C-alpha atoms as a PDB file:
ATOM      1  CA  MET A   1      31.926  13.620  79.638  1.00  0.00           C
ATOM      2  CA  PRO A   2      29.209  11.494  81.072  1.00  0.00           C
ATOM      3  CA  LEU A   3      25.561  10.414  79.884  1.00  0.00           C
ATOM      4  CA  TYR A   4      23.129  11.010  82.758  1.00  0.00           C
ATOM      5  CA  LEU A   5      20.512   8.521  82.122  1.00  0.00           C
ATOM      6  CA  GLY A   6      17.519   8.194  84.267  1.00  0.00           C
ATOM      7  CA  LEU A   7      13.514   8.008  84.818  1.00  0.00           C
ATOM      8  CA  SER A   8      11.103  10.556  86.081  1.00  0.00           C
ATOM      9  CA  GLN A   9      10.783   8.653  89.177  1.00  0.00           C
ATOM     10  CA  TRP A  10      12.625   6.006  91.707  1.00  0.00           C
ATOM     11  CA  SER A  11       9.742   4.283  92.771  1.00  0.00           C
ATOM     12  CA  HIS A  12       6.882   2.598  91.142  1.00  0.00           C
ATOM     13  CA  ALA A  13       4.320   0.243  92.192  1.00  0.00           C
ATOM     14  CA  GLY A  14       5.161  -2.184  88.904  1.00  0.00           C
ATOM     15  CA  TRP A  15       9.040  -2.138  89.536  1.00  0.00           C
ATOM     16  CA  PRO A  16       9.401  -4.369  92.594  1.00  0.00           C
ATOM     17  CA  GLY A  17      10.578  -7.739  90.990  1.00  0.00           C
ATOM     18  CA  ASN A  18      11.548  -5.773  87.797  1.00  0.00           C
ATOM     19  CA  LEU A  19      13.814  -2.710  88.366  1.00  0.00           C
ATOM     20  CA  LEU A  20      13.911  -2.982  92.240  1.00  0.00           C
ATOM     21  CA  SER A  21      14.179  -5.936  94.808  1.00  0.00           C
ATOM     22  CA  ARG A  22      11.231  -7.234  96.376  1.00  0.00           C
ATOM     23  CA  GLY A  23      10.231  -6.695 100.064  1.00  0.00           C
ATOM     24  CA  LEU A  24      11.727  -3.358 100.216  1.00  0.00           C
ATOM     25  CA  LYS A  25       9.765  -0.514 101.786  1.00  0.00           C
ATOM     26  CA  THR A  26       9.265   2.510  99.431  1.00  0.00           C
ATOM     27  CA  THR A  27      11.639   4.852 101.414  1.00  0.00           C
ATOM     28  CA  GLU A  28      14.426   1.986 100.152  1.00  0.00           C
ATOM     29  CA  HIS A  29      13.780   1.970  96.448  1.00  0.00           C
ATOM     30  CA  LEU A  30      16.151   4.800  95.753  1.00  0.00           C
ATOM     31  CA  SER A  31      19.339   2.584  96.626  1.00  0.00           C
ATOM     32  CA  ASP A  32      17.927  -0.082  94.138  1.00  0.00           C
ATOM     33  CA  TYR A  33      17.299   2.362  91.517  1.00  0.00           C
ATOM     34  CA  ALA A  34      20.694   4.247  92.077  1.00  0.00           C
ATOM     35  CA  ARG A  35      22.584   0.974  91.069  1.00  0.00           C
ATOM     36  CA  VAL A  36      21.359   1.104  87.711  1.00  0.00           C
ATOM     37  CA  PHE A  37      20.667   4.698  86.726  1.00  0.00           C
ATOM     38  CA  ASN A  38      22.815   7.597  87.635  1.00  0.00           C
ATOM     39  CA  THR A  39      20.224  10.148  87.759  1.00  0.00           C
ATOM     40  CA  VAL A  40      16.527  10.900  88.105  1.00  0.00           C
ATOM     41  CA  GLU A  41      13.985  13.776  87.646  1.00  0.00           C
ATOM     42  CA  GLY A  42      13.027  15.036  91.174  1.00  0.00           C
ATOM     43  CA  ASN A  43       9.416  15.617  90.380  1.00  0.00           C
ATOM     44  CA  THR A  44       8.064  15.827  93.999  1.00  0.00           C
ATOM     45  CA  SER A  45       9.934  19.031  94.438  1.00  0.00           C
ATOM     46  CA  PHE A  46       7.527  20.874  91.977  1.00  0.00           C
ATOM     47  CA  TYR A  47       4.938  20.179  94.513  1.00  0.00           C
ATOM     48  CA  GLY A  48       6.690  20.675  97.781  1.00  0.00           C
ATOM     49  CA  VAL A  49      10.182  21.507  98.809  1.00  0.00           C
ATOM     50  CA  PRO A  50      11.857  18.442 100.249  1.00  0.00           C
ATOM     51  CA  ASP A  51      13.102  18.668 103.983  1.00  0.00           C
ATOM     52  CA  THR A  52      16.278  18.446 105.299  1.00  0.00           C
ATOM     53  CA  GLN A  53      15.831  14.979 106.707  1.00  0.00           C
ATOM     54  CA  SER A  54      14.781  13.418 103.253  1.00  0.00           C
ATOM     55  CA  LEU A  55      17.708  15.099 101.503  1.00  0.00           C
ATOM     56  CA  THR A  56      19.961  13.948 103.752  1.00  0.00           C
ATOM     57  CA  ARG A  57      18.449  10.110 103.507  1.00  0.00           C
ATOM     58  CA  TRP A  58      18.836  10.458  99.614  1.00  0.00           C
ATOM     59  CA  GLU A  59      22.195  11.673  99.603  1.00  0.00           C
ATOM     60  CA  ALA A  60      23.378   8.549 101.797  1.00  0.00           C
ATOM     61  CA  MET A  61      21.403   6.297  99.475  1.00  0.00           C
ATOM     62  CA  THR A  62      23.302   7.206  96.576  1.00  0.00           C
ATOM     63  CA  GLY A  63      26.926   7.223  94.969  1.00  0.00           C
ATOM     64  CA  ASP A  64      28.961  10.126  94.398  1.00  0.00           C
ATOM     65  CA  ASP A  65      28.208  10.174  90.659  1.00  0.00           C
ATOM     66  CA  PHE A  66      24.656   9.995  91.224  1.00  0.00           C
ATOM     67  CA  ARG A  67      22.799  13.346  89.859  1.00  0.00           C
ATOM     68  CA  PHE A  68      19.230  14.647  91.020  1.00  0.00           C
ATOM     69  CA  THR A  69      17.588  16.739  88.719  1.00  0.00           C
ATOM     70  CA  PHE A  70      14.984  18.622  90.654  1.00  0.00           C
ATOM     71  CA  LYS A  71      12.380  20.549  89.321  1.00  0.00           C
ATOM     72  CA  PHE A  72      11.650  24.123  90.840  1.00  0.00           C
ATOM     73  CA  PRO A  73       8.512  24.210  93.018  1.00  0.00           C
ATOM     74  CA  SER A  74       5.478  25.470  91.265  1.00  0.00           C
ATOM     75  CA  THR A  75       5.629  28.505  93.551  1.00  0.00           C
ATOM     76  CA  VAL A  76       8.781  29.888  91.098  1.00  0.00           C
ATOM     77  CA  SER A  77       7.506  28.556  87.769  1.00  0.00           C
ATOM     78  CA  HIS A  78       3.892  28.525  87.831  1.00  0.00           C
ATOM     79  CA  GLN A  79       2.732  31.343  90.176  1.00  0.00           C
ATOM     80  CA  GLY A  80       2.955  35.174  89.448  1.00  0.00           C
ATOM     81  CA  ARG A  81       5.742  36.637  87.468  1.00  0.00           C
ATOM     82  CA  LEU A  82       9.148  35.147  87.392  1.00  0.00           C
ATOM     83  CA  ALA A  83      11.058  38.230  88.465  1.00  0.00           C
ATOM     84  CA  ASP A  84       8.909  38.442  91.691  1.00  0.00           C
ATOM     85  CA  ASN A  85       9.750  34.747  92.381  1.00  0.00           C
ATOM     86  CA  ILE A  86      13.822  35.292  92.618  1.00  0.00           C
ATOM     87  CA  ALA A  87      13.829  34.835  96.487  1.00  0.00           C
ATOM     88  CA  THR A  88      11.602  31.632  96.277  1.00  0.00           C
ATOM     89  CA  ALA A  89      14.015  30.214  94.018  1.00  0.00           C
ATOM     90  CA  GLN A  90      17.281  31.325  95.773  1.00  0.00           C
ATOM     91  CA  ALA A  91      15.496  29.639  99.187  1.00  0.00           C
ATOM     92  CA  PHE A  92      15.151  26.298  97.588  1.00  0.00           C
ATOM     93  CA  LEU A  93      18.471  26.136  96.320  1.00  0.00           C
ATOM     94  CA  ASP A  94      19.571  26.793 100.164  1.00  0.00           C
ATOM     95  CA  GLN A  95      17.133  23.837 100.898  1.00  0.00           C
ATOM     96  CA  LEU A  96      19.058  21.766  98.725  1.00  0.00           C
ATOM     97  CA  THR A  97      22.354  22.009 100.601  1.00  0.00           C
ATOM     98  CA  PRO A  98      22.809  18.484 101.563  1.00  0.00           C
ATOM     99  CA  LEU A  99      22.648  17.410  98.024  1.00  0.00           C
ATOM    100  CA  HIS A 100      24.396  20.600  96.510  1.00  0.00           C
ATOM    101  CA  HIS A 101      27.312  18.349  95.635  1.00  0.00           C
ATOM    102  CA  LYS A 102      24.858  15.909  93.731  1.00  0.00           C
ATOM    103  CA  LEU A 103      22.841  18.494  92.005  1.00  0.00           C
ATOM    104  CA  GLY A 104      22.650  17.802  88.164  1.00  0.00           C
ATOM    105  CA  MET A 105      20.324  20.188  86.720  1.00  0.00           C
ATOM    106  CA  LEU A 106      17.665  22.696  87.972  1.00  0.00           C
ATOM    107  CA  MET A 107      14.837  22.229  85.834  1.00  0.00           C
ATOM    108  CA  LEU A 108      12.249  25.496  85.535  1.00  0.00           C
ATOM    109  CA  GLN A 109       9.412  24.020  83.786  1.00  0.00           C
ATOM    110  CA  LEU A 110       7.357  26.750  82.587  1.00  0.00           C
ATOM    111  CA  PRO A 111       3.492  26.329  81.566  1.00  0.00           C
ATOM    112  CA  ALA A 112       1.930  27.186  78.416  1.00  0.00           C
ATOM    113  CA  ALA A 113       0.623  30.298  79.745  1.00  0.00           C
ATOM    114  CA  THR A 114       3.937  31.656  79.914  1.00  0.00           C
ATOM    115  CA  GLY A 115       5.053  33.590  77.094  1.00  0.00           C
ATOM    116  CA  PRO A 116       7.399  36.242  75.453  1.00  0.00           C
ATOM    117  CA  GLU A 117       6.382  38.740  77.989  1.00  0.00           C
ATOM    118  CA  GLN A 118       8.008  36.848  80.391  1.00  0.00           C
ATOM    119  CA  LEU A 119      11.299  36.646  78.998  1.00  0.00           C
ATOM    120  CA  ASP A 120      12.962  39.891  80.845  1.00  0.00           C
ATOM    121  CA  GLY A 121      11.744  38.151  84.002  1.00  0.00           C
ATOM    122  CA  LEU A 122      13.313  35.031  83.013  1.00  0.00           C
ATOM    123  CA  ALA A 123      16.610  36.543  82.583  1.00  0.00           C
ATOM    124  CA  GLN A 124      16.324  38.151  85.871  1.00  0.00           C
ATOM    125  CA  LEU A 125      15.721  34.986  88.037  1.00  0.00           C
ATOM    126  CA  LEU A 126      18.540  33.108  85.825  1.00  0.00           C
ATOM    127  CA  ASN A 127      20.934  35.830  86.434  1.00  0.00           C
ATOM    128  CA  ALA A 128      20.061  36.006  90.151  1.00  0.00           C
ATOM    129  CA  LEU A 129      21.093  32.199  90.672  1.00  0.00           C
ATOM    130  CA  PRO A 130      24.698  31.195  91.180  1.00  0.00           C
ATOM    131  CA  ASN A 131      26.637  29.914  87.788  1.00  0.00           C
ATOM    132  CA  THR A 132      27.924  26.904  89.795  1.00  0.00           C
ATOM    133  CA  VAL A 133      24.364  25.298  89.316  1.00  0.00           C
ATOM    134  CA  GLU A 134      23.393  23.804  86.004  1.00  0.00           C
ATOM    135  CA  MET A 135      20.191  25.330  84.784  1.00  0.00           C
ATOM    136  CA  GLY A 136      17.600  23.884  82.470  1.00  0.00           C
ATOM    137  CA  VAL A 137      14.494  25.794  81.115  1.00  0.00           C
ATOM    138  CA  GLU A 138      11.420  24.102  79.455  1.00  0.00           C
ATOM    139  CA  VAL A 139       9.055  26.195  77.637  1.00  0.00           C
ATOM    140  CA  ARG A 140       5.485  25.166  76.268  1.00  0.00           C
ATOM    141  CA  HIS A 141       4.038  28.580  74.918  1.00  0.00           C
ATOM    142  CA  PRO A 142       3.595  28.172  71.302  1.00  0.00           C
ATOM    143  CA  ALA A 143       5.538  31.491  70.560  1.00  0.00           C
ATOM    144  CA  PHE A 144       8.849  29.784  71.459  1.00  0.00           C
ATOM    145  CA  PHE A 145       8.222  26.895  68.864  1.00  0.00           C
ATOM    146  CA  ALA A 146       7.176  29.104  66.170  1.00  0.00           C
ATOM    147  CA  LYS A 147      10.504  29.901  64.802  1.00  0.00           C
ATOM    148  CA  GLY A 148      10.051  33.506  65.197  1.00  0.00           C
ATOM    149  CA  GLU A 149      11.472  36.794  67.348  1.00  0.00           C
ATOM    150  CA  ALA A 150      10.101  35.362  70.670  1.00  0.00           C
ATOM    151  CA  GLU A 151      11.909  31.750  69.831  1.00  0.00           C
ATOM    152  CA  ARG A 152      15.101  33.639  68.800  1.00  0.00           C
ATOM    153  CA  ARG A 153      15.128  35.744  71.732  1.00  0.00           C
ATOM    154  CA  LEU A 154      14.576  32.804  74.242  1.00  0.00           C
ATOM    155  CA  ASN A 155      17.335  31.196  72.796  1.00  0.00           C
ATOM    156  CA  ARG A 156      19.665  33.981  72.770  1.00  0.00           C
ATOM    157  CA  LEU A 157      18.837  34.371  76.358  1.00  0.00           C
ATOM    158  CA  LEU A 158      19.523  30.899  77.262  1.00  0.00           C
ATOM    159  CA  LEU A 159      22.725  30.909  75.256  1.00  0.00           C
ATOM    160  CA  GLU A 160      23.622  34.114  77.377  1.00  0.00           C
ATOM    161  CA  GLN A 161      22.918  32.672  80.609  1.00  0.00           C
ATOM    162  CA  GLY A 162      24.332  29.302  79.613  1.00  0.00           C
ATOM    163  CA  ALA A 163      21.244  27.726  80.371  1.00  0.00           C
ATOM    164  CA  ASN A 164      20.063  24.272  78.582  1.00  0.00           C
ATOM    165  CA  ARG A 165      16.692  24.524  76.469  1.00  0.00           C
ATOM    166  CA  ILE A 166      15.286  21.023  77.718  1.00  0.00           C
ATOM    167  CA  ILE A 167      14.079  19.310  74.701  1.00  0.00           C
ATOM    168  CA  MET A 168      10.605  17.378  75.204  1.00  0.00           C
ATOM    169  CA  ASP A 169       9.962  14.714  72.815  1.00  0.00           C
ATOM    170  CA  SER A 170       6.599  13.479  73.356  1.00  0.00           C
ATOM    171  CA  ARG A 171       5.764  12.170  69.754  1.00  0.00           C
ATOM    172  CA  PRO A 172       5.832   8.720  70.718  1.00  0.00           C
ATOM    173  CA  VAL A 173       3.012   8.645  73.243  1.00  0.00           C
ATOM    174  CA  PHE A 174       0.611  10.874  70.712  1.00  0.00           C
ATOM    175  CA  ALA A 175       1.388   8.560  67.777  1.00  0.00           C
ATOM    176  CA  VAL A 176      -0.928   5.880  68.790  1.00  0.00           C
ATOM    177  CA  ALA A 177      -4.536   6.062  69.833  1.00  0.00           C
ATOM    178  CA  PRO A 178      -5.388   6.467  73.515  1.00  0.00           C
ATOM    179  CA  THR A 179      -6.434   2.733  73.905  1.00  0.00           C
ATOM    180  CA  THR A 180      -5.464   2.248  77.590  1.00  0.00           C
ATOM    181  CA  PRO A 181      -6.312   4.488  80.514  1.00  0.00           C
ATOM    182  CA  ALA A 182      -2.599   5.101  81.035  1.00  0.00           C
ATOM    183  CA  LEU A 183      -2.269   6.483  77.216  1.00  0.00           C
ATOM    184  CA  ALA A 184      -5.244   8.589  77.618  1.00  0.00           C
ATOM    185  CA  ASP A 185      -4.118  10.091  80.691  1.00  0.00           C
ATOM    186  CA  ALA A 186      -0.697  10.610  79.399  1.00  0.00           C
ATOM    187  CA  GLN A 187      -2.156  12.496  75.964  1.00  0.00           C
ATOM    188  CA  GLN A 188      -4.049  14.466  78.472  1.00  0.00           C
ATOM    189  CA  LYS A 189      -1.386  15.614  80.628  1.00  0.00           C
ATOM    190  CA  LYS A 190       2.247  15.547  78.266  1.00  0.00           C
ATOM    191  CA  PRO A 191       2.412  18.839  76.260  1.00  0.00           C
ATOM    192  CA  ARG A 192       2.289  18.292  72.678  1.00  0.00           C
ATOM    193  CA  VAL A 193       4.848  20.642  71.171  1.00  0.00           C
ATOM    194  CA  PRO A 194       7.510  20.459  68.235  1.00  0.00           C
ATOM    195  CA  VAL A 195      10.738  18.970  68.787  1.00  0.00           C
ATOM    196  CA  HIS A 196      13.427  21.587  68.450  1.00  0.00           C
ATOM    197  CA  ILE A 197      16.719  20.371  68.820  1.00  0.00           C
ATOM    198  CA  ILE A 198      19.044  22.924  70.085  1.00  0.00           C
ATOM    199  CA  SER A 199      21.977  23.047  72.973  1.00  0.00           C
ATOM    200  CA  THR A 200      22.098  26.187  74.402  1.00  0.00           C
ATOM    201  CA  GLY A 201      24.230  25.054  77.346  1.00  0.00           C
ATOM    202  CA  GLN A 202      26.912  22.730  78.250  1.00  0.00           C
ATOM    203  CA  SER A 203      24.326  19.886  79.174  1.00  0.00           C
ATOM    204  CA  PRO A 204      21.511  19.367  76.713  1.00  0.00           C
ATOM    205  CA  MET A 205      18.557  17.534  77.964  1.00  0.00           C
ATOM    206  CA  VAL A 206      16.199  15.284  76.459  1.00  0.00           C
ATOM    207  CA  ARG A 207      12.890  14.224  77.949  1.00  0.00           C
ATOM    208  CA  PHE A 208      11.442  10.959  75.836  1.00  0.00           C
ATOM    209  CA  ILE A 209       8.111  10.240  76.570  1.00  0.00           C
ATOM    210  CA  GLY A 210       7.515   6.852  75.239  1.00  0.00           C
ATOM    211  CA  ASN A 211       4.254   4.563  75.063  1.00  0.00           C
ATOM    212  CA  PRO A 212       4.384   1.427  76.667  1.00  0.00           C
ATOM    213  CA  ASN A 213       4.272  -0.660  73.150  1.00  0.00           C
ATOM    214  CA  LEU A 214       8.155  -0.497  73.209  1.00  0.00           C
ATOM    215  CA  SER A 215       8.936  -1.685  69.562  1.00  0.00           C
ATOM    216  CA  ALA A 216       6.935   1.447  68.374  1.00  0.00           C
ATOM    217  CA  ASN A 217       9.087   4.034  70.136  1.00  0.00           C
ATOM    218  CA  THR A 218      12.184   2.623  67.857  1.00  0.00           C
ATOM    219  CA  PRO A 219      11.610   5.138  64.963  1.00  0.00           C
ATOM    220  CA  PHE A 220      11.364   7.882  67.214  1.00  0.00           C
ATOM    221  CA  TRP A 221      14.529   7.094  69.692  1.00  0.00           C
ATOM    222  CA  GLN A 222      16.584   5.625  67.124  1.00  0.00           C
ATOM    223  CA  PRO A 223      17.318   8.996  65.432  1.00  0.00           C
ATOM    224  CA  TRP A 224      18.354  10.578  68.549  1.00  0.00           C
ATOM    225  CA  LEU A 225      21.465   8.631  68.600  1.00  0.00           C
ATOM    226  CA  PRO A 226      23.749  10.315  66.282  1.00  0.00           C
ATOM    227  CA  ARG A 227      22.864  13.627  68.193  1.00  0.00           C
ATOM    228  CA  LEU A 228      23.390  12.343  71.610  1.00  0.00           C
ATOM    229  CA  ARG A 229      26.645  10.923  70.467  1.00  0.00           C
ATOM    230  CA  GLY A 230      27.804  14.262  68.835  1.00  0.00           C
ATOM    231  CA  TRP A 231      27.043  16.074  72.157  1.00  0.00           C
ATOM    232  CA  LEU A 232      29.076  13.727  74.244  1.00  0.00           C
ATOM    233  CA  ASN A 233      32.112  14.046  71.475  1.00  0.00           C
ATOM    234  CA  GLU A 234      31.878  17.788  71.881  1.00  0.00           C
ATOM    235  CA  GLY A 235      32.730  17.216  75.569  1.00  0.00           C
ATOM    236  CA  LYS A 236      28.890  17.796  76.987  1.00  0.00           C
ATOM    237  CA  SER A 237      27.332  16.027  79.663  1.00  0.00           C
ATOM    238  CA  VAL A 238      24.003  14.991  78.219  1.00  0.00           C
ATOM    239  CA  TYR A 239      20.922  14.074  80.168  1.00  0.00           C
ATOM    240  CA  LEU A 240      18.364  11.683  78.790  1.00  0.00           C
ATOM    241  CA  PHE A 241      14.996  11.004  80.933  1.00  0.00           C
ATOM    242  CA  VAL A 242      13.159   8.293  79.542  1.00  0.00           C
ATOM    243  CA  HIS A 243       9.250   7.897  80.435  1.00  0.00           C
ATOM    244  CA  THR A 244       6.380   5.627  79.332  1.00  0.00           C
ATOM    245  CA  ALA A 245       2.548   6.245  79.324  1.00  0.00           C
ATOM    246  CA  ASP A 246       2.566   4.462  83.007  1.00  0.00           C
ATOM    247  CA  ASN A 247       6.370   4.372  83.318  1.00  0.00           C
ATOM    248  CA  VAL A 248       6.048   0.484  84.040  1.00  0.00           C
ATOM    249  CA  GLU A 249       7.995  -0.227  80.847  1.00  0.00           C
ATOM    250  CA  ALA A 250      10.434   2.896  81.202  1.00  0.00           C
ATOM    251  CA  PRO A 251      13.027   1.147  82.998  1.00  0.00           C
ATOM    252  CA  VAL A 252      13.484  -1.385  79.852  1.00  0.00           C
ATOM    253  CA  LEU A 253      13.175   1.338  77.430  1.00  0.00           C
ATOM    254  CA  ALA A 254      15.754   3.059  79.002  1.00  0.00           C
ATOM    255  CA  ALA A 255      17.966  -0.036  79.147  1.00  0.00           C
ATOM    256  CA  THR A 256      17.322  -0.558  75.390  1.00  0.00           C
ATOM    257  CA  ILE A 257      18.437   2.965  74.319  1.00  0.00           C
ATOM    258  CA  ALA A 258      21.523   2.480  76.248  1.00  0.00           C
ATOM    259  CA  GLU A 259      22.774  -0.580  74.753  1.00  0.00           C
ATOM    260  CA  ALA A 260      22.297   1.353  71.335  1.00  0.00           C
ATOM    261  CA  LEU A 261      24.439   3.897  72.641  1.00  0.00           C
ATOM    262  CA  ASP A 262      27.145   1.458  73.613  1.00  0.00           C
ATOM    263  CA  CYS A 263      26.449   2.632  77.180  1.00  0.00           C
ATOM    264  CA  PRO A 264      24.697  -0.437  78.770  1.00  0.00           C
ATOM    265  CA  LEU A 265      23.396  -0.461  82.174  1.00  0.00           C
ATOM    266  CA  PRO A 266      23.861  -2.692  84.895  1.00  0.00           C
ATOM    267  CA  ALA A 267      21.517  -5.653  84.671  1.00  0.00           C
ATOM    268  CA  PHE A 268      18.525  -5.771  86.529  1.00  0.00           C
ATOM    269  CA  PRO A 269      15.657  -8.330  86.603  1.00  0.00           C
ATOM    270  CA  GLY A 270      13.329  -7.360  84.190  1.00  0.00           C
ATOM    271  CA  GLN A 271      15.547  -6.207  81.467  1.00  0.00           C
ATOM    272  CA  ALA A 272      15.140  -7.669  78.124  1.00  0.00           C
ATOM    273  CA  PRO A 273      17.310 -10.420  77.411  1.00  0.00           C
ATOM    274  CA  GLU A 274      18.138  -9.037  73.972  1.00  0.00           C
ATOM    275  CA  PRO A 275      17.912  -5.480  73.996  1.00  0.00           C
ATOM    276  CA  GLN A 276      16.580  -4.188  70.519  1.00  0.00           C
ATOM    277  CA  GLY A 277      19.297  -1.498  70.435  1.00  0.00           C
ATOM    278  CA  SER A 278      22.086  -4.025  69.932  1.00  0.00           C
ATOM    279  CA  LEU A 279      20.568  -4.422  66.003  1.00  0.00           C
ATOM    280  CA  PHE A 280      22.023  -0.997  65.293  1.00  0.00           C
END
């Protein structure tokens, strides 16, 4: 089964001449990105549902093996009760019809305020969506990391529904002082939650939040290698999304990890000539 490796966006002001070709329009960046990576976090859908014209254009710019992992809009995950947002979630999925054959995982990113009292609503929401869609749920409420009954209920629910518990590893970005505006911004916005490693579905997802000092990330991503290989050997699809504080260095960090996994990425101009992962 495949490793889906990608970044949190396909366009960045610091990537032309690095990951992307120079001289392209922003609307043309996805084609270059998709030559290197086979998935992307669709973060823009959190703020607004993409229109049909955009979805059709994105479909034409990517190969058959590319997978979009859109986030549910905030109107589903952050507003009101989950059980009351089922129709909105279904309408979002219907809107994605032009990309249904390229949908990877739909990500339900829940805020820290969404706690155990909404587990029944989460079950209703997951149960209402078609089982042909790969689902991932990211939680941030402290009760879901306390190894108590609330976390056990969450994990049981996800196992029963075949949904994946998204794993956030933000340790690298919090392991250093916020010496740059990008680090300070990342430490303010990214959740600082424990890393609970569990695969509740057939497509475990890890979101790795690194810092711009690439070598400082190695002690954090290197221990992931046997776990990722183990899931792949079990026949599971694995999603790995790599961030850095400002994402300028995210492509190189992702290439380093891919090399260490013996899944090297296609070459791109800014790639380090001697990836650190080749040492392991």
